[in-house]
Amino acid sequence: MSTTPTVFFSDGTKLWYDLDNQHRLDGPAVEWFDGVREYYIQGKQYNSFIEYIHDVIVYKELKNKQRSFYKDIDIDIEKVLKKFVGFKNNK
């Protein structure tokens, strides 16, 4: 996936698309001029960053195996967050 936006607006807003769907696996698919970011995978918008990260990992894993996207695979999200962003659970 390209990290270059598909659409630029004069106000600084940037949009990423894959075919006709807002889509980006390496960051927000929409960056508004005021700094608000929106995350999408194949047109599905995510309101939770953790859900977005989960589905990015599942999408990439299945894409690597040349299989269809299936979102109900169980992944230990805490383990993934520790590996990729240094997340620590303070239980």
N, C-alpha and C. Protein backbone atom coordinates (compact mmCIF):
# COMPACT_ATOMS: atom_id res chain seq x y z
N MET A 1 0.83 -1.18 0.00
CA MET A 1 0.00 0.00 0.00
C MET A 1 0.87 1.24 0.00
N SER A 2 0.47 2.16 -0.77
CA SER A 2 1.19 3.41 -0.86
C SER A 2 0.93 4.30 0.36
N THR A 3 1.95 5.01 0.77
CA THR A 3 1.78 5.96 1.87
C THR A 3 1.50 7.36 1.32
N THR A 4 1.35 7.47 0.01
CA THR A 4 1.03 8.75 -0.62
C THR A 4 -0.48 8.90 -0.74
N PRO A 5 -1.04 10.02 -0.30
CA PRO A 5 -2.49 10.21 -0.41
C PRO A 5 -2.98 10.16 -1.85
N THR A 6 -4.19 9.65 -2.01
CA THR A 6 -4.82 9.59 -3.32
C THR A 6 -5.38 10.95 -3.71
N VAL A 7 -5.93 11.67 -2.73
CA VAL A 7 -6.57 12.97 -3.00
C VAL A 7 -6.00 14.01 -2.04
N PHE A 8 -5.62 15.14 -2.57
CA PHE A 8 -5.17 16.29 -1.78
C PHE A 8 -6.17 17.43 -1.97
N PHE A 9 -6.48 18.14 -0.89
CA PHE A 9 -7.31 19.33 -0.99
C PHE A 9 -6.46 20.55 -0.65
N SER A 10 -6.86 21.70 -1.15
CA SER A 10 -6.07 22.91 -0.94
C SER A 10 -6.00 23.32 0.53
N ASP A 11 -6.97 22.87 1.36
CA ASP A 11 -6.93 23.21 2.78
C ASP A 11 -6.00 22.31 3.58
N GLY A 12 -5.38 21.30 2.93
CA GLY A 12 -4.47 20.39 3.60
C GLY A 12 -5.06 19.03 3.90
N THR A 13 -6.35 18.85 3.67
CA THR A 13 -7.00 17.55 3.89
C THR A 13 -6.44 16.54 2.90
N LYS A 14 -6.20 15.29 3.40
CA LYS A 14 -5.66 14.22 2.56
C LYS A 14 -6.54 12.98 2.72
N LEU A 15 -6.79 12.30 1.60
CA LEU A 15 -7.59 11.08 1.59
C LEU A 15 -6.82 9.97 0.89
N TRP A 16 -6.94 8.74 1.40
CA TRP A 16 -6.34 7.57 0.79
C TRP A 16 -7.45 6.62 0.37
N TYR A 17 -7.32 6.05 -0.83
CA TYR A 17 -8.32 5.11 -1.36
C TYR A 17 -7.62 3.90 -1.94
N ASP A 18 -8.34 2.78 -1.91
CA ASP A 18 -7.97 1.58 -2.65
C ASP A 18 -9.19 1.26 -3.50
N LEU A 19 -9.06 1.40 -4.79
CA LEU A 19 -10.20 1.35 -5.71
C LEU A 19 -11.20 2.41 -5.28
N ASP A 20 -12.42 2.04 -4.91
CA ASP A 20 -13.43 3.03 -4.53
C ASP A 20 -13.62 3.15 -3.03
N ASN A 21 -12.80 2.48 -2.24
CA ASN A 21 -12.97 2.47 -0.79
C ASN A 21 -11.89 3.29 -0.09
N GLN A 22 -12.29 4.05 0.93
CA GLN A 22 -11.27 4.68 1.76
C GLN A 22 -10.52 3.55 2.45
N HIS A 23 -9.19 3.61 2.37
CA HIS A 23 -8.40 2.47 2.84
C HIS A 23 -6.96 2.90 3.08
N ARG A 24 -6.45 2.50 4.23
CA ARG A 24 -5.02 2.68 4.52
C ARG A 24 -4.65 1.77 5.68
N LEU A 25 -3.54 1.04 5.52
CA LEU A 25 -3.09 0.12 6.57
C LEU A 25 -1.97 0.69 7.41
N ASP A 26 -1.35 1.79 6.98
CA ASP A 26 -0.21 2.32 7.72
C ASP A 26 -0.51 3.68 8.35
N GLY A 27 -1.77 3.93 8.63
CA GLY A 27 -2.15 5.19 9.26
C GLY A 27 -3.57 5.56 8.91
N PRO A 28 -3.97 6.78 9.25
CA PRO A 28 -5.34 7.19 8.95
C PRO A 28 -5.58 7.34 7.45
N ALA A 29 -6.79 6.96 7.00
CA ALA A 29 -7.16 7.09 5.60
C ALA A 29 -7.68 8.49 5.29
N VAL A 30 -7.99 9.24 6.35
CA VAL A 30 -8.42 10.63 6.20
C VAL A 30 -7.66 11.46 7.22
N GLU A 31 -7.00 12.50 6.75
CA GLU A 31 -6.35 13.48 7.63
C GLU A 31 -6.96 14.83 7.29
N TRP A 32 -7.83 15.31 8.16
CA TRP A 32 -8.50 16.59 7.94
C TRP A 32 -7.54 17.74 8.21
N PHE A 33 -7.81 18.87 7.64
CA PHE A 33 -6.97 20.07 7.76
C PHE A 33 -6.77 20.49 9.21
N ASP A 34 -7.74 20.17 10.09
CA ASP A 34 -7.65 20.58 11.50
C ASP A 34 -6.97 19.54 12.38
N GLY A 35 -6.43 18.47 11.78
CA GLY A 35 -5.70 17.46 12.53
C GLY A 35 -6.51 16.23 12.90
N VAL A 36 -7.81 16.25 12.69
CA VAL A 36 -8.64 15.08 12.98
C VAL A 36 -8.28 13.98 12.01
N ARG A 37 -8.19 12.75 12.53
CA ARG A 37 -7.82 11.60 11.70
C ARG A 37 -8.91 10.55 11.76
N GLU A 38 -9.15 9.90 10.64
CA GLU A 38 -10.13 8.83 10.56
C GLU A 38 -9.46 7.60 9.95
N TYR A 39 -9.75 6.44 10.53
CA TYR A 39 -9.11 5.19 10.12
C TYR A 39 -10.12 4.31 9.38
N TYR A 40 -9.70 3.79 8.22
CA TYR A 40 -10.55 2.93 7.39
C TYR A 40 -9.73 1.76 6.85
N ILE A 41 -10.40 0.62 6.73
CA ILE A 41 -9.87 -0.53 5.98
C ILE A 41 -10.97 -0.95 5.03
N GLN A 42 -10.67 -0.91 3.73
CA GLN A 42 -11.63 -1.28 2.69
C GLN A 42 -13.00 -0.66 2.90
N GLY A 43 -13.04 0.61 3.26
CA GLY A 43 -14.29 1.34 3.41
C GLY A 43 -14.94 1.27 4.77
N LYS A 44 -14.45 0.40 5.66
CA LYS A 44 -15.00 0.29 7.01
C LYS A 44 -14.30 1.29 7.92
N GLN A 45 -15.08 2.18 8.53
CA GLN A 45 -14.51 3.18 9.44
C GLN A 45 -14.38 2.60 10.84
N TYR A 46 -13.29 2.95 11.51
CA TYR A 46 -13.01 2.48 12.86
C TYR A 46 -13.07 3.64 13.84
N ASN A 47 -13.85 3.47 14.90
CA ASN A 47 -13.93 4.48 15.96
C ASN A 47 -12.98 4.14 17.10
N SER A 48 -12.48 2.92 17.11
CA SER A 48 -11.53 2.48 18.13
C SER A 48 -10.20 2.17 17.46
N PHE A 49 -9.14 2.80 17.94
CA PHE A 49 -7.81 2.57 17.37
C PHE A 49 -7.38 1.12 17.59
N ILE A 50 -7.74 0.54 18.72
CA ILE A 50 -7.37 -0.85 19.01
C ILE A 50 -8.04 -1.79 18.01
N GLU A 51 -9.31 -1.57 17.69
CA GLU A 51 -9.99 -2.40 16.69
C GLU A 51 -9.34 -2.24 15.33
N TYR A 52 -8.95 -1.00 15.00
CA TYR A 52 -8.28 -0.75 13.72
C TYR A 52 -6.96 -1.53 13.65
N ILE A 53 -6.14 -1.43 14.71
CA ILE A 53 -4.86 -2.15 14.74
C ILE A 53 -5.09 -3.65 14.62
N HIS A 54 -6.08 -4.17 15.33
CA HIS A 54 -6.41 -5.60 15.27
C HIS A 54 -6.70 -6.01 13.83
N ASP A 55 -7.58 -5.25 13.16
CA ASP A 55 -7.96 -5.62 11.80
C ASP A 55 -6.84 -5.39 10.79
N VAL A 56 -5.96 -4.43 11.02
CA VAL A 56 -4.79 -4.26 10.15
C VAL A 56 -3.93 -5.51 10.22
N ILE A 57 -3.70 -6.00 11.42
CA ILE A 57 -2.86 -7.19 11.59
C ILE A 57 -3.51 -8.40 10.94
N VAL A 58 -4.80 -8.59 11.18
CA VAL A 58 -5.51 -9.72 10.57
C VAL A 58 -5.48 -9.59 9.05
N TYR A 59 -5.76 -8.40 8.54
CA TYR A 59 -5.77 -8.16 7.09
C TYR A 59 -4.42 -8.49 6.48
N LYS A 60 -3.35 -8.01 7.11
CA LYS A 60 -2.00 -8.26 6.57
C LYS A 60 -1.65 -9.74 6.63
N GLU A 61 -1.98 -10.39 7.75
CA GLU A 61 -1.68 -11.82 7.87
C GLU A 61 -2.40 -12.62 6.80
N LEU A 62 -3.68 -12.34 6.62
CA LEU A 62 -4.44 -13.09 5.63
C LEU A 62 -4.04 -12.73 4.21
N LYS A 63 -3.69 -11.48 3.99
CA LYS A 63 -3.23 -11.05 2.67
C LYS A 63 -1.93 -11.79 2.32
N ASN A 64 -1.06 -11.94 3.34
CA ASN A 64 0.20 -12.67 3.12
C ASN A 64 -0.06 -14.12 2.76
N LYS A 65 -1.15 -14.68 3.23
CA LYS A 65 -1.50 -16.06 2.95
C LYS A 65 -2.41 -16.17 1.73
N GLN A 66 -2.67 -15.04 1.05
CA GLN A 66 -3.49 -15.01 -0.15
C GLN A 66 -4.92 -15.50 0.14
N ARG A 67 -5.47 -15.08 1.28
CA ARG A 67 -6.82 -15.49 1.65
C ARG A 67 -7.71 -14.26 1.81
N SER A 68 -9.00 -14.47 1.88
CA SER A 68 -9.96 -13.38 2.06
C SER A 68 -9.88 -12.83 3.47
N PHE A 69 -10.26 -11.55 3.61
CA PHE A 69 -10.28 -10.90 4.93
C PHE A 69 -11.38 -11.53 5.78
N TYR A 70 -11.02 -11.97 7.00
CA TYR A 70 -11.98 -12.55 7.93
C TYR A 70 -11.69 -11.97 9.29
N LYS A 71 -12.58 -11.13 9.80
CA LYS A 71 -12.29 -10.32 10.97
C LYS A 71 -12.45 -11.01 12.31
N ASP A 72 -12.95 -12.25 12.35
CA ASP A 72 -13.22 -12.89 13.64
C ASP A 72 -12.10 -13.79 14.14
N ILE A 73 -10.90 -13.66 13.60
CA ILE A 73 -9.77 -14.46 14.08
C ILE A 73 -9.29 -13.89 15.40
N ASP A 74 -9.01 -14.75 16.34
CA ASP A 74 -8.61 -14.32 17.68
C ASP A 74 -7.12 -14.00 17.70
N ILE A 75 -6.78 -12.75 18.05
CA ILE A 75 -5.40 -12.31 18.20
C ILE A 75 -5.26 -11.67 19.57
N ASP A 76 -4.17 -11.95 20.25
CA ASP A 76 -3.91 -11.34 21.55
C ASP A 76 -3.49 -9.89 21.33
N ILE A 77 -4.45 -8.97 21.40
CA ILE A 77 -4.20 -7.57 21.05
C ILE A 77 -3.19 -6.93 22.00
N GLU A 78 -3.19 -7.33 23.27
CA GLU A 78 -2.23 -6.76 24.21
C GLU A 78 -0.80 -7.13 23.81
N LYS A 79 -0.60 -8.36 23.40
CA LYS A 79 0.73 -8.81 22.95
C LYS A 79 1.16 -8.03 21.71
N VAL A 80 0.24 -7.81 20.79
CA VAL A 80 0.54 -7.06 19.58
C VAL A 80 0.89 -5.62 19.91
N LEU A 81 0.11 -4.99 20.79
CA LEU A 81 0.38 -3.60 21.15
C LEU A 81 1.73 -3.46 21.85
N LYS A 82 2.10 -4.42 22.68
CA LYS A 82 3.41 -4.39 23.34
C LYS A 82 4.52 -4.41 22.28
N LYS A 83 4.35 -5.26 21.28
CA LYS A 83 5.37 -5.42 20.25
C LYS A 83 5.50 -4.17 19.38
N PHE A 84 4.38 -3.60 18.97
CA PHE A 84 4.42 -2.54 17.97
C PHE A 84 4.45 -1.13 18.53
N VAL A 85 3.86 -0.89 19.70
CA VAL A 85 3.81 0.47 20.21
C VAL A 85 4.25 0.59 21.67
N GLY A 86 4.80 -0.46 22.24
CA GLY A 86 5.30 -0.38 23.60
C GLY A 86 4.22 -0.27 24.66
N PHE A 87 3.00 -0.72 24.35
CA PHE A 87 1.89 -0.67 25.28
C PHE A 87 2.17 -1.52 26.51
N LYS A 88 1.84 -1.00 27.70
CA LYS A 88 1.97 -1.77 28.94
C LYS A 88 0.66 -1.68 29.70
N ASN A 89 0.15 -2.84 30.11
CA ASN A 89 -1.09 -2.88 30.88
C ASN A 89 -0.75 -2.70 32.35
N ASN A 90 -1.31 -1.69 32.99
CA ASN A 90 -1.02 -1.39 34.39
C ASN A 90 -2.06 -1.99 35.31
N LYS A 91 -2.25 -3.31 35.24
CA LYS A 91 -3.23 -3.99 36.10
C LYS A 91 -2.70 -4.08 37.51
